Amino acid sequence: MVLGVTGGIATGKSSVTEMLVKLGAVSVSADDIAREAVAPGTAVLQQLCAYFGESILNADGTLNRDALAGIVFFDPAARAMLNRITHPAIGRLAEQKLSHLQAAADYPLIVYEAPLLFEAGAESRVDQVLVVTVEPEIQLQRLIARDGIDHAEATARVAAQMPLTEKIRRADYLINNSGSLVETEAQVRRLYRELTRRAPE
């Protein structure tokens, strides 16, 4: 089974994925694939430079993700273009990696951690979707602490994403990460047992 793990910014998607891996799952990260897709020399990076300019590159020719984020964050049209350029390549790489793991059949559960699972229309890559949730004020507090930003910027970053309520509506499973690490781990263990019991031999 391939389980898609998604959620909002600073909800704890990576932490939950790590817990699943410790229990025996294997993970594929959409963020890691996105970095691979824009590596120096790729057609995707060339397209990004053609559209956004050379200012999005570091001195060594790699993509400056912060510079690109600064351009697209408050510009929906630029963000849409970024997605049009990158998502097909990310999709191809993700499908290759997931297919390889499924064919190997070495793991009871494959986790595809994808912050933009719904936004990228990538639900078809997974069998079920887990959304990691958190109370809105806790989400802001964690984002402020993690990224060293103020409340206004944190609020803007959350508002720029698909509402967490919409992701929850479309989820097959939920993990509420508002409480302690121990509480989250207990939820993850229960879910892992349920999913691996269902998995075909």
C-alpha atoms as a PDB file:
ATOM      1  CA  MET A   1       0.000   0.000   0.000  1.00  0.00           C
ATOM      2  CA  VAL A   2       1.117   3.548  -0.745  1.00  0.00           C
ATOM      3  CA  LEU A   3      -0.001   6.067   1.868  1.00  0.00           C
ATOM      4  CA  GLY A   4       0.126   9.735   0.935  1.00  0.00           C
ATOM      5  CA  VAL A   5       1.055  11.962   3.889  1.00  0.00           C
ATOM      6  CA  THR A   6       0.146  15.615   3.586  1.00  0.00           C
ATOM      7  CA  GLY A   7      -1.130  18.541   5.634  1.00  0.00           C
ATOM      8  CA  GLY A   8      -0.536  22.225   6.140  1.00  0.00           C
ATOM      9  CA  ILE A   9       2.716  24.061   6.742  1.00  0.00           C
ATOM     10  CA  ALA A  10       4.267  23.241  10.158  1.00  0.00           C
ATOM     11  CA  THR A  11       1.668  20.598  11.007  1.00  0.00           C
ATOM     12  CA  GLY A  12       4.301  17.881  11.487  1.00  0.00           C
ATOM     13  CA  LYS A  13       4.145  15.863   8.257  1.00  0.00           C
ATOM     14  CA  SER A  14       7.842  14.956   8.360  1.00  0.00           C
ATOM     15  CA  SER A  15       7.675  13.974  12.031  1.00  0.00           C
ATOM     16  CA  VAL A  16       4.762  11.632  11.372  1.00  0.00           C
ATOM     17  CA  THR A  17       6.540  10.186   8.335  1.00  0.00           C
ATOM     18  CA  GLU A  18       9.652   9.530  10.443  1.00  0.00           C
ATOM     19  CA  MET A  19       7.501   7.720  13.020  1.00  0.00           C
ATOM     20  CA  LEU A  20       6.023   5.505  10.308  1.00  0.00           C
ATOM     21  CA  VAL A  21       9.500   4.720   8.973  1.00  0.00           C
ATOM     22  CA  LYS A  22      10.691   3.720  12.457  1.00  0.00           C
ATOM     23  CA  LEU A  23       7.772   1.279  12.600  1.00  0.00           C
ATOM     24  CA  GLY A  24       8.866  -0.373   9.338  1.00  0.00           C
ATOM     25  CA  ALA A  25       7.586   1.761   6.460  1.00  0.00           C
ATOM     26  CA  VAL A  26       9.738   3.202   3.682  1.00  0.00           C
ATOM     27  CA  SER A  27       9.295   6.814   2.604  1.00  0.00           C
ATOM     28  CA  VAL A  28       9.545   8.815  -0.591  1.00  0.00           C
ATOM     29  CA  SER A  29       9.731  12.589  -0.177  1.00  0.00           C
ATOM     30  CA  ALA A  30       8.155  14.863  -2.776  1.00  0.00           C
ATOM     31  CA  ASP A  31      10.453  17.657  -1.573  1.00  0.00           C
ATOM     32  CA  ASP A  32      13.533  15.517  -2.247  1.00  0.00           C
ATOM     33  CA  ILE A  33      12.161  14.624  -5.675  1.00  0.00           C
ATOM     34  CA  ALA A  34      11.520  18.316  -6.371  1.00  0.00           C
ATOM     35  CA  ARG A  35      15.191  19.057  -5.636  1.00  0.00           C
ATOM     36  CA  GLU A  36      16.232  16.249  -7.970  1.00  0.00           C
ATOM     37  CA  ALA A  37      13.954  17.601 -10.709  1.00  0.00           C
ATOM     38  CA  VAL A  38      15.638  21.029 -10.652  1.00  0.00           C
ATOM     39  CA  ALA A  39      19.247  19.866 -10.369  1.00  0.00           C
ATOM     40  CA  PRO A  40      21.805  21.727 -12.519  1.00  0.00           C
ATOM     41  CA  GLY A  41      21.631  20.646 -16.150  1.00  0.00           C
ATOM     42  CA  THR A  42      17.998  19.570 -16.065  1.00  0.00           C
ATOM     43  CA  ALA A  43      15.497  20.879 -18.585  1.00  0.00           C
ATOM     44  CA  VAL A  44      13.275  21.987 -15.695  1.00  0.00           C
ATOM     45  CA  LEU A  45      15.927  24.298 -14.266  1.00  0.00           C
ATOM     46  CA  GLN A  46      16.567  25.732 -17.738  1.00  0.00           C
ATOM     47  CA  GLN A  47      12.851  26.455 -18.130  1.00  0.00           C
ATOM     48  CA  LEU A  48      12.714  28.114 -14.723  1.00  0.00           C
ATOM     49  CA  CYS A  49      15.663  30.361 -15.610  1.00  0.00           C
ATOM     50  CA  ALA A  50      14.092  31.248 -18.945  1.00  0.00           C
ATOM     51  CA  TYR A  51      10.903  32.384 -17.214  1.00  0.00           C
ATOM     52  CA  PHE A  52      12.094  33.803 -13.877  1.00  0.00           C
ATOM     53  CA  GLY A  53      15.616  34.936 -14.783  1.00  0.00           C
ATOM     54  CA  GLU A  54      19.122  33.994 -13.669  1.00  0.00           C
ATOM     55  CA  SER A  55      18.575  35.685 -10.281  1.00  0.00           C
ATOM     56  CA  ILE A  56      17.015  32.435  -9.038  1.00  0.00           C
ATOM     57  CA  LEU A  57      20.405  30.677  -9.243  1.00  0.00           C
ATOM     58  CA  ASN A  58      23.119  30.402  -6.627  1.00  0.00           C
ATOM     59  CA  ALA A  59      26.712  31.110  -7.615  1.00  0.00           C
ATOM     60  CA  ASP A  60      27.319  27.387  -8.153  1.00  0.00           C
ATOM     61  CA  GLY A  61      24.436  27.075 -10.608  1.00  0.00           C
ATOM     62  CA  THR A  62      22.012  25.379  -8.239  1.00  0.00           C
ATOM     63  CA  LEU A  63      18.510  26.698  -7.694  1.00  0.00           C
ATOM     64  CA  ASN A  64      18.165  29.299  -4.939  1.00  0.00           C
ATOM     65  CA  ARG A  65      14.867  28.094  -3.543  1.00  0.00           C
ATOM     66  CA  ASP A  66      14.497  31.087  -1.226  1.00  0.00           C
ATOM     67  CA  ALA A  67      14.917  33.520  -4.123  1.00  0.00           C
ATOM     68  CA  LEU A  68      12.347  31.654  -6.186  1.00  0.00           C
ATOM     69  CA  ALA A  69       9.961  31.458  -3.239  1.00  0.00           C
ATOM     70  CA  GLY A  70      10.275  35.206  -2.772  1.00  0.00           C
ATOM     71  CA  ILE A  71       9.117  35.724  -6.360  1.00  0.00           C
ATOM     72  CA  VAL A  72       6.181  33.325  -6.387  1.00  0.00           C
ATOM     73  CA  PHE A  73       4.870  33.533  -2.836  1.00  0.00           C
ATOM     74  CA  PHE A  74       2.595  36.528  -3.267  1.00  0.00           C
ATOM     75  CA  ASP A  75       2.121  36.180  -7.048  1.00  0.00           C
ATOM     76  CA  PRO A  76      -0.496  33.538  -7.947  1.00  0.00           C
ATOM     77  CA  ALA A  77       0.308  33.733 -11.675  1.00  0.00           C
ATOM     78  CA  ALA A  78       4.025  33.163 -11.059  1.00  0.00           C
ATOM     79  CA  ARG A  79       3.224  30.315  -8.681  1.00  0.00           C
ATOM     80  CA  ALA A  80       0.967  28.727 -11.283  1.00  0.00           C
ATOM     81  CA  MET A  81       3.770  28.943 -13.860  1.00  0.00           C
ATOM     82  CA  LEU A  82       6.231  27.388 -11.388  1.00  0.00           C
ATOM     83  CA  ASN A  83       3.808  24.502 -10.898  1.00  0.00           C
ATOM     84  CA  ARG A  84       3.273  24.044 -14.639  1.00  0.00           C
ATOM     85  CA  ILE A  85       7.024  23.794 -15.180  1.00  0.00           C
ATOM     86  CA  THR A  86       7.911  21.560 -12.233  1.00  0.00           C
ATOM     87  CA  HIS A  87       4.948  19.311 -11.450  1.00  0.00           C
ATOM     88  CA  PRO A  88       5.115  17.057 -14.557  1.00  0.00           C
ATOM     89  CA  ALA A  89       8.789  16.239 -13.924  1.00  0.00           C
ATOM     90  CA  ILE A  90       8.209  15.705 -10.209  1.00  0.00           C
ATOM     91  CA  GLY A  91       5.268  13.446 -11.069  1.00  0.00           C
ATOM     92  CA  ARG A  92       7.311  11.291 -13.418  1.00  0.00           C
ATOM     93  CA  LEU A  93      10.118  10.839 -10.889  1.00  0.00           C
ATOM     94  CA  ALA A  94       7.676  10.095  -8.062  1.00  0.00           C
ATOM     95  CA  GLU A  95       5.852   7.470 -10.077  1.00  0.00           C
ATOM     96  CA  GLN A  96       9.147   5.806 -11.015  1.00  0.00           C
ATOM     97  CA  LYS A  97      10.308   5.622  -7.395  1.00  0.00           C
ATOM     98  CA  LEU A  98       6.942   4.429  -6.053  1.00  0.00           C
ATOM     99  CA  SER A  99       6.587   1.805  -8.794  1.00  0.00           C
ATOM    100  CA  HIS A 100      10.076   0.490  -8.050  1.00  0.00           C
ATOM    101  CA  LEU A 101       9.271   0.122  -4.342  1.00  0.00           C
ATOM    102  CA  GLN A 102       5.929  -1.530  -5.061  1.00  0.00           C
ATOM    103  CA  ALA A 103       7.554  -4.011  -7.439  1.00  0.00           C
ATOM    104  CA  ALA A 104      10.230  -4.863  -4.870  1.00  0.00           C
ATOM    105  CA  ALA A 105       7.526  -5.592  -2.251  1.00  0.00           C
ATOM    106  CA  ASP A 106      10.121  -5.330   0.527  1.00  0.00           C
ATOM    107  CA  TYR A 107       8.094  -3.087   2.847  1.00  0.00           C
ATOM    108  CA  PRO A 108       4.666  -3.425   4.498  1.00  0.00           C
ATOM    109  CA  LEU A 109       3.909   0.248   3.840  1.00  0.00           C
ATOM    110  CA  ILE A 110       5.205   2.870   1.387  1.00  0.00           C
ATOM    111  CA  VAL A 111       4.788   6.482   2.506  1.00  0.00           C
ATOM    112  CA  TYR A 112       4.717   9.301  -0.038  1.00  0.00           C
ATOM    113  CA  GLU A 113       5.253  12.535   1.898  1.00  0.00           C
ATOM    114  CA  ALA A 114       3.900  15.331  -0.283  1.00  0.00           C
ATOM    115  CA  PRO A 115       2.978  18.742   1.173  1.00  0.00           C
ATOM    116  CA  LEU A 116       1.202  19.647  -2.104  1.00  0.00           C
ATOM    117  CA  LEU A 117      -0.426  16.262  -2.733  1.00  0.00           C
ATOM    118  CA  PHE A 118      -3.869  17.721  -3.406  1.00  0.00           C
ATOM    119  CA  GLU A 119      -2.629  20.924  -5.042  1.00  0.00           C
ATOM    120  CA  ALA A 120      -0.557  18.899  -7.521  1.00  0.00           C
ATOM    121  CA  GLY A 121      -3.444  16.526  -8.239  1.00  0.00           C
ATOM    122  CA  ALA A 122      -1.241  13.652  -7.108  1.00  0.00           C
ATOM    123  CA  GLU A 123      -3.833  11.617  -5.196  1.00  0.00           C
ATOM    124  CA  SER A 124      -3.761   9.036  -8.006  1.00  0.00           C
ATOM    125  CA  ARG A 125      -0.184   8.109  -6.991  1.00  0.00           C
ATOM    126  CA  VAL A 126      -1.359   6.810  -3.608  1.00  0.00           C
ATOM    127  CA  ASP A 127      -3.909   4.333  -2.303  1.00  0.00           C
ATOM    128  CA  GLN A 128      -4.968   6.293   0.785  1.00  0.00           C
ATOM    129  CA  VAL A 129      -4.310   9.782   2.142  1.00  0.00           C
ATOM    130  CA  LEU A 130      -3.292  10.723   5.683  1.00  0.00           C
ATOM    131  CA  VAL A 131      -3.628  14.380   6.621  1.00  0.00           C
ATOM    132  CA  VAL A 132      -1.626  15.604   9.617  1.00  0.00           C
ATOM    133  CA  THR A 133      -3.631  18.268  11.427  1.00  0.00           C
ATOM    134  CA  VAL A 134      -2.927  20.759  14.174  1.00  0.00           C
ATOM    135  CA  GLU A 135      -4.932  23.489  15.888  1.00  0.00           C
ATOM    136  CA  PRO A 136      -4.592  26.800  13.978  1.00  0.00           C
ATOM    137  CA  GLU A 137      -2.928  28.779  16.778  1.00  0.00           C
ATOM    138  CA  ILE A 138      -0.479  25.958  17.507  1.00  0.00           C
ATOM    139  CA  GLN A 139       0.330  25.805  13.794  1.00  0.00           C
ATOM    140  CA  LEU A 140       1.204  29.515  13.807  1.00  0.00           C
ATOM    141  CA  GLN A 141       3.287  29.196  16.976  1.00  0.00           C
ATOM    142  CA  ARG A 142       5.283  26.295  15.538  1.00  0.00           C
ATOM    143  CA  LEU A 143       5.806  28.065  12.220  1.00  0.00           C
ATOM    144  CA  ILE A 144       7.027  31.236  13.953  1.00  0.00           C
ATOM    145  CA  ALA A 145       9.436  29.219  16.105  1.00  0.00           C
ATOM    146  CA  ARG A 146      10.663  27.040  13.228  1.00  0.00           C
ATOM    147  CA  ASP A 147      11.278  29.771  10.640  1.00  0.00           C
ATOM    148  CA  GLY A 148      12.019  32.748  12.893  1.00  0.00           C
ATOM    149  CA  ILE A 149       9.254  34.892  11.367  1.00  0.00           C
ATOM    150  CA  ASP A 150       6.651  37.175  12.898  1.00  0.00           C
ATOM    151  CA  HIS A 151       2.961  36.459  13.377  1.00  0.00           C
ATOM    152  CA  ALA A 152       1.896  38.437  10.301  1.00  0.00           C
ATOM    153  CA  GLU A 153       4.220  36.544   7.951  1.00  0.00           C
ATOM    154  CA  ALA A 154       3.259  33.211   9.492  1.00  0.00           C
ATOM    155  CA  THR A 155      -0.414  34.028   8.974  1.00  0.00           C
ATOM    156  CA  ALA A 156       0.271  34.992   5.352  1.00  0.00           C
ATOM    157  CA  ARG A 157       2.120  31.722   4.675  1.00  0.00           C
ATOM    158  CA  VAL A 158      -0.748  29.665   6.088  1.00  0.00           C
ATOM    159  CA  ALA A 159      -3.309  31.697   4.136  1.00  0.00           C
ATOM    160  CA  ALA A 160      -1.400  31.136   0.867  1.00  0.00           C
ATOM    161  CA  GLN A 161      -1.977  27.377   1.116  1.00  0.00           C
ATOM    162  CA  MET A 162      -5.030  25.232   0.492  1.00  0.00           C
ATOM    163  CA  PRO A 163      -7.098  25.479   3.704  1.00  0.00           C
ATOM    164  CA  LEU A 164      -6.350  22.667   6.124  1.00  0.00           C
ATOM    165  CA  THR A 165     -10.106  22.164   6.506  1.00  0.00           C
ATOM    166  CA  GLU A 166     -10.299  21.247   2.800  1.00  0.00           C
ATOM    167  CA  LYS A 167      -7.439  18.763   3.149  1.00  0.00           C
ATOM    168  CA  ILE A 168      -9.171  17.225   6.169  1.00  0.00           C
ATOM    169  CA  ARG A 169     -12.380  16.866   4.147  1.00  0.00           C
ATOM    170  CA  ARG A 170     -10.512  14.903   1.476  1.00  0.00           C
ATOM    171  CA  ALA A 171      -8.503  12.687   3.846  1.00  0.00           C
ATOM    172  CA  ASP A 172      -8.915   8.967   4.449  1.00  0.00           C
ATOM    173  CA  TYR A 173      -7.096   9.193   7.792  1.00  0.00           C
ATOM    174  CA  LEU A 174      -6.205  11.978  10.223  1.00  0.00           C
ATOM    175  CA  ILE A 175      -3.447  12.367  12.792  1.00  0.00           C
ATOM    176  CA  ASN A 176      -3.952  15.270  15.209  1.00  0.00           C
ATOM    177  CA  ASN A 177      -0.479  16.577  16.056  1.00  0.00           C
ATOM    178  CA  SER A 178      -1.652  19.328  18.416  1.00  0.00           C
ATOM    179  CA  GLY A 179      -0.648  17.481  21.565  1.00  0.00           C
ATOM    180  CA  SER A 180       2.527  15.904  22.866  1.00  0.00           C
ATOM    181  CA  LEU A 181       4.950  13.747  20.918  1.00  0.00           C
ATOM    182  CA  VAL A 182       3.794  10.731  22.945  1.00  0.00           C
ATOM    183  CA  GLU A 183       0.169  11.367  21.956  1.00  0.00           C
ATOM    184  CA  THR A 184       1.071  11.675  18.285  1.00  0.00           C
ATOM    185  CA  GLU A 185       3.203   8.523  18.394  1.00  0.00           C
ATOM    186  CA  ALA A 186       0.284   6.572  19.875  1.00  0.00           C
ATOM    187  CA  GLN A 187      -1.972   7.649  17.006  1.00  0.00           C
ATOM    188  CA  VAL A 188       0.698   6.744  14.443  1.00  0.00           C
ATOM    189  CA  ARG A 189       1.212   3.276  15.942  1.00  0.00           C
ATOM    190  CA  ARG A 190      -2.536   2.579  15.815  1.00  0.00           C
ATOM    191  CA  LEU A 191      -2.727   3.701  12.200  1.00  0.00           C
ATOM    192  CA  TYR A 192       0.334   1.671  11.194  1.00  0.00           C
ATOM    193  CA  ARG A 193      -1.148  -1.474  12.719  1.00  0.00           C
ATOM    194  CA  GLU A 194      -4.435  -0.888  10.913  1.00  0.00           C
ATOM    195  CA  LEU A 195      -2.811  -0.237   7.537  1.00  0.00           C
ATOM    196  CA  THR A 196      -0.375  -3.147   7.676  1.00  0.00           C
ATOM    197  CA  ARG A 197      -3.143  -5.535   8.742  1.00  0.00           C
ATOM    198  CA  ARG A 198      -5.060  -4.485   5.632  1.00  0.00           C
ATOM    199  CA  ALA A 199      -2.047  -4.769   3.343  1.00  0.00           C
ATOM    200  CA  PRO A 200      -2.138  -7.822   1.048  1.00  0.00           C
ATOM    201  CA  GLU A 201       0.375 -10.599   1.706  1.00  0.00           C
END
